[in-house]
Amino acid sequence: MQITASAISLNVDDVTASATFVKQHFGFNEDMSADGFVSLSRQDAGFNLIFLQTGLETFKPTHMRGHRADGLLIAFVVDNIDREYTRLQAEGVTITTAIETEPWGERFFQVTDPNGVVIQLVQWMTEPGT
């Protein structure tokens, strides 16, 4: 098997709000959109981020149609976590989890988009596993 592209699709109540949030604060670009759907990307992310309107008739599997993005987070590894923390605060983004460093070397903080999708920014202060 060869994987040629990757995407994550999240059901949200307000597609426009989530798309605007990641475009404005994380530099994603809109690749395509339709009623209840938007696909976003950035060249360095390695995947497309797709927001789908909760309850879309075309959503498969049908038993998941009404579910919302919940209990997950999107993580972006960055090269200067402190700069990103300061930047997002200056942009008025509410910080959900203040910046902290775990004993294993993961320095991170979290923000939440208007639909409750948690975005975590991470910088490894030591190589994972060392």
N, C-alpha and C. Protein backbone atom coordinates (compact mmCIF):
# COMPACT_ATOMS: atom_id res chain seq x y z
N MET A 1 0.83 -1.18 0.00
CA MET A 1 0.00 0.00 0.00
C MET A 1 0.88 1.24 0.00
N GLN A 2 0.48 2.21 -0.79
CA GLN A 2 1.13 3.51 -0.77
C GLN A 2 0.07 4.56 -0.46
N ILE A 3 0.27 5.31 0.61
CA ILE A 3 -0.65 6.39 0.97
C ILE A 3 -0.17 7.64 0.27
N THR A 4 -1.04 8.25 -0.49
CA THR A 4 -0.66 9.42 -1.28
C THR A 4 -1.11 10.74 -0.68
N ALA A 5 -2.02 10.68 0.29
CA ALA A 5 -2.48 11.89 0.98
C ALA A 5 -3.19 11.47 2.26
N SER A 6 -3.32 12.39 3.20
CA SER A 6 -4.01 12.13 4.45
C SER A 6 -4.93 13.30 4.78
N ALA A 7 -6.01 12.99 5.48
CA ALA A 7 -6.95 14.01 5.90
C ALA A 7 -7.59 13.59 7.20
N ILE A 8 -8.04 14.56 7.95
CA ILE A 8 -8.86 14.31 9.13
C ILE A 8 -10.14 15.09 8.92
N SER A 9 -11.29 14.43 9.10
CA SER A 9 -12.59 15.05 8.94
C SER A 9 -13.28 15.12 10.29
N LEU A 10 -13.77 16.29 10.62
CA LEU A 10 -14.42 16.51 11.90
C LEU A 10 -15.82 17.06 11.69
N ASN A 11 -16.81 16.44 12.32
CA ASN A 11 -18.17 16.96 12.29
C ASN A 11 -18.28 18.09 13.31
N VAL A 12 -18.75 19.23 12.85
CA VAL A 12 -18.94 20.40 13.72
C VAL A 12 -20.27 21.06 13.37
N ASP A 13 -20.81 21.82 14.31
CA ASP A 13 -22.06 22.51 14.08
C ASP A 13 -21.91 23.70 13.13
N ASP A 14 -20.79 24.41 13.23
CA ASP A 14 -20.58 25.62 12.44
C ASP A 14 -19.27 25.49 11.66
N VAL A 15 -19.38 24.98 10.45
CA VAL A 15 -18.21 24.74 9.59
C VAL A 15 -17.43 26.03 9.36
N THR A 16 -18.14 27.11 9.09
CA THR A 16 -17.48 28.39 8.80
C THR A 16 -16.65 28.87 9.99
N ALA A 17 -17.17 28.72 11.21
CA ALA A 17 -16.45 29.19 12.40
C ALA A 17 -15.15 28.43 12.59
N SER A 18 -15.18 27.12 12.45
CA SER A 18 -13.95 26.33 12.61
C SER A 18 -12.96 26.64 11.49
N ALA A 19 -13.45 26.73 10.26
CA ALA A 19 -12.56 27.02 9.13
C ALA A 19 -11.92 28.39 9.28
N THR A 20 -12.69 29.37 9.66
CA THR A 20 -12.15 30.73 9.85
C THR A 20 -11.10 30.74 10.94
N PHE A 21 -11.33 30.02 12.03
CA PHE A 21 -10.40 29.96 13.15
C PHE A 21 -9.04 29.41 12.72
N VAL A 22 -9.02 28.27 12.00
CA VAL A 22 -7.73 27.69 11.61
C VAL A 22 -7.07 28.47 10.48
N LYS A 23 -7.86 29.12 9.63
CA LYS A 23 -7.26 29.96 8.60
C LYS A 23 -6.61 31.19 9.23
N GLN A 24 -7.33 31.82 10.14
CA GLN A 24 -6.84 33.06 10.75
C GLN A 24 -5.67 32.83 11.69
N HIS A 25 -5.72 31.79 12.50
CA HIS A 25 -4.71 31.63 13.55
C HIS A 25 -3.63 30.59 13.26
N PHE A 26 -3.87 29.72 12.28
CA PHE A 26 -2.90 28.66 12.00
C PHE A 26 -2.47 28.60 10.54
N GLY A 27 -2.88 29.56 9.74
CA GLY A 27 -2.38 29.69 8.38
C GLY A 27 -2.85 28.65 7.38
N PHE A 28 -3.97 27.98 7.66
CA PHE A 28 -4.50 27.02 6.69
C PHE A 28 -5.17 27.78 5.54
N ASN A 29 -5.19 27.14 4.38
CA ASN A 29 -5.81 27.70 3.19
C ASN A 29 -7.01 26.83 2.80
N GLU A 30 -8.04 27.47 2.28
CA GLU A 30 -9.21 26.74 1.84
C GLU A 30 -8.97 26.18 0.44
N ASP A 31 -9.05 24.85 0.32
CA ASP A 31 -8.85 24.19 -0.97
C ASP A 31 -10.17 24.03 -1.72
N MET A 32 -11.21 23.69 -0.99
CA MET A 32 -12.52 23.54 -1.61
C MET A 32 -13.58 23.62 -0.53
N SER A 33 -14.78 23.99 -0.96
CA SER A 33 -15.89 24.05 -0.02
C SER A 33 -17.20 23.88 -0.78
N ALA A 34 -18.20 23.49 -0.04
CA ALA A 34 -19.57 23.37 -0.54
C ALA A 34 -20.47 23.56 0.68
N ASP A 35 -21.74 23.47 0.49
CA ASP A 35 -22.66 23.63 1.60
C ASP A 35 -22.39 22.56 2.65
N GLY A 36 -21.98 22.98 3.84
CA GLY A 36 -21.72 22.05 4.93
C GLY A 36 -20.38 21.35 4.88
N PHE A 37 -19.45 21.86 4.10
CA PHE A 37 -18.17 21.19 3.91
C PHE A 37 -17.08 22.20 3.59
N VAL A 38 -15.91 22.02 4.19
CA VAL A 38 -14.74 22.80 3.79
C VAL A 38 -13.50 21.94 3.99
N SER A 39 -12.59 21.99 3.02
CA SER A 39 -11.33 21.28 3.10
C SER A 39 -10.21 22.31 3.12
N LEU A 40 -9.34 22.19 4.13
CA LEU A 40 -8.26 23.15 4.35
C LEU A 40 -6.92 22.44 4.34
N SER A 41 -5.88 23.17 3.99
CA SER A 41 -4.54 22.58 4.02
C SER A 41 -3.50 23.66 4.26
N ARG A 42 -2.33 23.20 4.60
CA ARG A 42 -1.12 24.02 4.55
C ARG A 42 -0.02 23.08 4.11
N GLN A 43 0.88 23.61 3.34
CA GLN A 43 1.89 22.78 2.69
C GLN A 43 2.69 21.94 3.68
N ASP A 44 2.96 22.47 4.86
CA ASP A 44 3.81 21.76 5.82
C ASP A 44 3.04 20.89 6.81
N ALA A 45 1.72 20.83 6.72
CA ALA A 45 0.95 20.08 7.71
C ALA A 45 0.95 18.58 7.45
N GLY A 46 1.02 18.17 6.18
CA GLY A 46 1.03 16.75 5.87
C GLY A 46 -0.35 16.12 5.80
N PHE A 47 -1.41 16.90 5.95
CA PHE A 47 -2.76 16.38 5.85
C PHE A 47 -3.73 17.53 5.57
N ASN A 48 -4.89 17.18 5.06
CA ASN A 48 -5.97 18.16 4.91
C ASN A 48 -6.84 18.10 6.16
N LEU A 49 -7.32 19.23 6.57
CA LEU A 49 -8.23 19.34 7.69
C LEU A 49 -9.60 19.67 7.11
N ILE A 50 -10.55 18.77 7.33
CA ILE A 50 -11.87 18.90 6.74
C ILE A 50 -12.90 19.08 7.86
N PHE A 51 -13.76 20.06 7.69
CA PHE A 51 -14.87 20.26 8.60
C PHE A 51 -16.15 19.95 7.86
N LEU A 52 -16.98 19.11 8.46
CA LEU A 52 -18.26 18.71 7.90
C LEU A 52 -19.38 19.16 8.83
N GLN A 53 -20.46 19.63 8.24
CA GLN A 53 -21.62 20.03 9.03
C GLN A 53 -22.22 18.81 9.70
N THR A 54 -22.40 18.86 11.00
CA THR A 54 -23.03 17.76 11.72
C THR A 54 -24.39 17.46 11.10
N GLY A 55 -24.64 16.18 10.82
CA GLY A 55 -25.93 15.76 10.30
C GLY A 55 -26.06 15.74 8.79
N LEU A 56 -24.97 15.95 8.06
CA LEU A 56 -25.05 15.91 6.59
C LEU A 56 -25.68 14.60 6.12
N GLU A 57 -26.62 14.70 5.22
CA GLU A 57 -27.30 13.51 4.70
C GLU A 57 -26.35 12.56 3.98
N THR A 58 -25.28 13.10 3.42
CA THR A 58 -24.35 12.27 2.65
C THR A 58 -23.28 11.60 3.51
N PHE A 59 -23.25 11.90 4.82
CA PHE A 59 -22.19 11.37 5.70
C PHE A 59 -22.33 9.86 5.86
N LYS A 60 -21.21 9.18 5.74
CA LYS A 60 -21.14 7.74 5.97
C LYS A 60 -20.06 7.46 7.00
N PRO A 61 -20.21 6.50 7.87
CA PRO A 61 -21.37 5.65 8.05
C PRO A 61 -22.54 6.43 8.67
N THR A 62 -23.73 6.08 8.28
CA THR A 62 -24.91 6.85 8.67
C THR A 62 -25.11 6.91 10.18
N HIS A 63 -24.72 5.87 10.91
CA HIS A 63 -24.94 5.88 12.36
C HIS A 63 -24.05 6.91 13.07
N MET A 64 -23.04 7.45 12.38
CA MET A 64 -22.16 8.47 12.95
C MET A 64 -22.54 9.88 12.50
N ARG A 65 -23.55 10.00 11.67
CA ARG A 65 -23.94 11.26 11.05
C ARG A 65 -24.15 12.39 12.06
N GLY A 66 -24.77 12.11 13.18
CA GLY A 66 -25.08 13.15 14.16
C GLY A 66 -24.00 13.38 15.20
N HIS A 67 -22.91 12.62 15.15
CA HIS A 67 -21.83 12.78 16.12
C HIS A 67 -21.03 14.04 15.83
N ARG A 68 -20.50 14.63 16.89
CA ARG A 68 -19.65 15.81 16.76
C ARG A 68 -18.22 15.45 17.13
N ALA A 69 -17.28 16.26 16.64
CA ALA A 69 -15.88 16.09 17.03
C ALA A 69 -15.80 16.31 18.53
N ASP A 70 -15.49 15.27 19.27
CA ASP A 70 -15.48 15.35 20.72
C ASP A 70 -14.50 14.32 21.26
N GLY A 71 -13.78 14.69 22.29
CA GLY A 71 -12.87 13.75 22.91
C GLY A 71 -11.59 13.51 22.13
N LEU A 72 -11.27 14.44 21.24
CA LEU A 72 -10.03 14.32 20.48
C LEU A 72 -9.39 15.69 20.41
N LEU A 73 -8.15 15.69 20.00
CA LEU A 73 -7.49 16.97 19.76
C LEU A 73 -6.60 16.84 18.54
N ILE A 74 -6.35 17.99 17.94
CA ILE A 74 -5.44 18.07 16.81
C ILE A 74 -4.13 18.61 17.34
N ALA A 75 -3.03 17.93 17.08
CA ALA A 75 -1.72 18.37 17.58
C ALA A 75 -0.84 18.82 16.43
N PHE A 76 -0.23 19.99 16.61
CA PHE A 76 0.74 20.52 15.66
C PHE A 76 2.07 20.64 16.39
N VAL A 77 3.11 19.99 15.88
CA VAL A 77 4.45 20.13 16.44
C VAL A 77 5.07 21.36 15.79
N VAL A 78 5.57 22.27 16.62
CA VAL A 78 6.13 23.53 16.14
C VAL A 78 7.58 23.65 16.62
N ASP A 79 8.30 24.60 16.04
CA ASP A 79 9.71 24.75 16.40
C ASP A 79 9.97 25.81 17.46
N ASN A 80 8.96 26.62 17.81
CA ASN A 80 9.15 27.62 18.86
C ASN A 80 7.82 27.83 19.58
N ILE A 81 7.57 26.97 20.55
CA ILE A 81 6.30 26.95 21.27
C ILE A 81 6.03 28.27 22.00
N ASP A 82 7.05 28.86 22.58
CA ASP A 82 6.86 30.11 23.32
C ASP A 82 6.45 31.25 22.40
N ARG A 83 7.03 31.30 21.21
CA ARG A 83 6.65 32.32 20.24
C ARG A 83 5.19 32.15 19.82
N GLU A 84 4.77 30.91 19.58
CA GLU A 84 3.38 30.64 19.18
C GLU A 84 2.41 30.98 20.30
N TYR A 85 2.78 30.69 21.51
CA TYR A 85 1.95 31.01 22.69
C TYR A 85 1.73 32.52 22.76
N THR A 86 2.81 33.27 22.63
CA THR A 86 2.74 34.74 22.68
C THR A 86 1.93 35.28 21.51
N ARG A 87 2.16 34.73 20.32
CA ARG A 87 1.43 35.18 19.12
C ARG A 87 -0.07 34.97 19.27
N LEU A 88 -0.47 33.79 19.68
CA LEU A 88 -1.90 33.50 19.79
C LEU A 88 -2.56 34.34 20.88
N GLN A 89 -1.86 34.56 21.98
CA GLN A 89 -2.40 35.44 23.01
C GLN A 89 -2.59 36.85 22.45
N ALA A 90 -1.62 37.35 21.70
CA ALA A 90 -1.70 38.69 21.12
C ALA A 90 -2.85 38.78 20.11
N GLU A 91 -3.18 37.67 19.46
CA GLU A 91 -4.29 37.64 18.51
C GLU A 91 -5.64 37.52 19.21
N GLY A 92 -5.62 37.40 20.55
CA GLY A 92 -6.85 37.32 21.31
C GLY A 92 -7.44 35.93 21.44
N VAL A 93 -6.67 34.90 21.07
CA VAL A 93 -7.14 33.53 21.20
C VAL A 93 -7.09 33.14 22.67
N THR A 94 -8.20 32.59 23.16
CA THR A 94 -8.25 32.12 24.54
C THR A 94 -7.43 30.85 24.67
N ILE A 95 -6.54 30.84 25.63
CA ILE A 95 -5.70 29.66 25.88
C ILE A 95 -6.50 28.72 26.78
N THR A 96 -6.73 27.51 26.31
CA THR A 96 -7.51 26.52 27.06
C THR A 96 -6.67 25.88 28.16
N THR A 97 -5.45 25.49 27.82
CA THR A 97 -4.50 24.91 28.77
C THR A 97 -3.22 25.71 28.66
N ALA A 98 -2.82 26.32 29.76
CA ALA A 98 -1.61 27.15 29.76
C ALA A 98 -0.38 26.31 29.40
N ILE A 99 0.63 27.00 28.93
CA ILE A 99 1.85 26.32 28.51
C ILE A 99 2.49 25.60 29.70
N GLU A 100 2.94 24.38 29.44
CA GLU A 100 3.61 23.59 30.47
C GLU A 100 4.54 22.59 29.81
N THR A 101 5.46 22.06 30.60
CA THR A 101 6.41 21.07 30.11
C THR A 101 6.25 19.80 30.92
N GLU A 102 6.00 18.70 30.23
CA GLU A 102 5.87 17.40 30.87
C GLU A 102 7.26 16.85 31.20
N PRO A 103 7.35 15.95 32.19
CA PRO A 103 8.65 15.38 32.57
C PRO A 103 9.37 14.70 31.42
N TRP A 104 8.64 14.21 30.42
CA TRP A 104 9.26 13.51 29.29
C TRP A 104 9.70 14.46 28.17
N GLY A 105 9.58 15.78 28.39
CA GLY A 105 10.14 16.74 27.46
C GLY A 105 9.16 17.38 26.50
N GLU A 106 7.89 17.08 26.62
CA GLU A 106 6.88 17.67 25.75
C GLU A 106 6.40 18.99 26.35
N ARG A 107 6.67 20.08 25.65
CA ARG A 107 6.19 21.40 26.08
C ARG A 107 5.00 21.73 25.19
N PHE A 108 3.87 22.08 25.79
CA PHE A 108 2.66 22.25 25.00
C PHE A 108 1.70 23.25 25.64
N PHE A 109 0.74 23.67 24.83
CA PHE A 109 -0.44 24.38 25.32
C PHE A 109 -1.58 24.07 24.37
N GLN A 110 -2.80 24.41 24.79
CA GLN A 110 -3.97 24.09 24.00
C GLN A 110 -4.88 25.30 23.86
N VAL A 111 -5.54 25.38 22.69
CA VAL A 111 -6.59 26.36 22.43
C VAL A 111 -7.80 25.55 21.95
N THR A 112 -8.96 26.20 21.93
CA THR A 112 -10.17 25.53 21.50
C THR A 112 -10.88 26.40 20.47
N ASP A 113 -11.27 25.79 19.36
CA ASP A 113 -11.96 26.55 18.31
C ASP A 113 -13.41 26.81 18.71
N PRO A 114 -14.15 27.58 17.94
CA PRO A 114 -15.53 27.93 18.31
C PRO A 114 -16.48 26.74 18.43
N ASN A 115 -16.13 25.58 17.87
CA ASN A 115 -16.97 24.39 17.97
C ASN A 115 -16.50 23.41 19.03
N GLY A 116 -15.48 23.79 19.80
CA GLY A 116 -14.98 22.92 20.86
C GLY A 116 -13.87 21.99 20.44
N VAL A 117 -13.34 22.15 19.22
CA VAL A 117 -12.23 21.31 18.76
C VAL A 117 -10.95 21.84 19.43
N VAL A 118 -10.26 20.96 20.15
CA VAL A 118 -9.05 21.34 20.86
C VAL A 118 -7.85 21.21 19.92
N ILE A 119 -7.06 22.27 19.86
CA ILE A 119 -5.83 22.28 19.07
C ILE A 119 -4.67 22.43 20.03
N GLN A 120 -3.75 21.48 19.99
CA GLN A 120 -2.60 21.47 20.88
C GLN A 120 -1.35 21.75 20.08
N LEU A 121 -0.58 22.72 20.52
CA LEU A 121 0.72 22.98 19.92
C LEU A 121 1.78 22.39 20.84
N VAL A 122 2.76 21.73 20.23
CA VAL A 122 3.76 20.96 20.95
C VAL A 122 5.15 21.29 20.44
N GLN A 123 6.09 21.37 21.36
CA GLN A 123 7.51 21.39 21.00
C GLN A 123 8.20 20.39 21.91
N TRP A 124 9.00 19.54 21.30
CA TRP A 124 9.76 18.57 22.10
C TRP A 124 11.05 19.24 22.57
N MET A 125 11.19 19.36 23.89
CA MET A 125 12.38 19.99 24.48
C MET A 125 13.54 19.01 24.55
N THR A 126 13.22 17.74 24.58
CA THR A 126 14.20 16.65 24.43
C THR A 126 13.62 15.69 23.41
N GLU A 127 14.44 14.93 22.76
CA GLU A 127 13.94 13.99 21.77
C GLU A 127 13.03 12.96 22.45
N PRO A 128 11.86 12.68 21.85
CA PRO A 128 10.97 11.66 22.43
C PRO A 128 11.70 10.34 22.64
N GLY A 129 11.48 9.74 23.80
CA GLY A 129 12.07 8.45 24.10
C GLY A 129 13.45 8.51 24.71
N THR A 130 14.00 9.73 24.93
CA THR A 130 15.34 9.81 25.53
C THR A 130 15.24 10.21 26.98
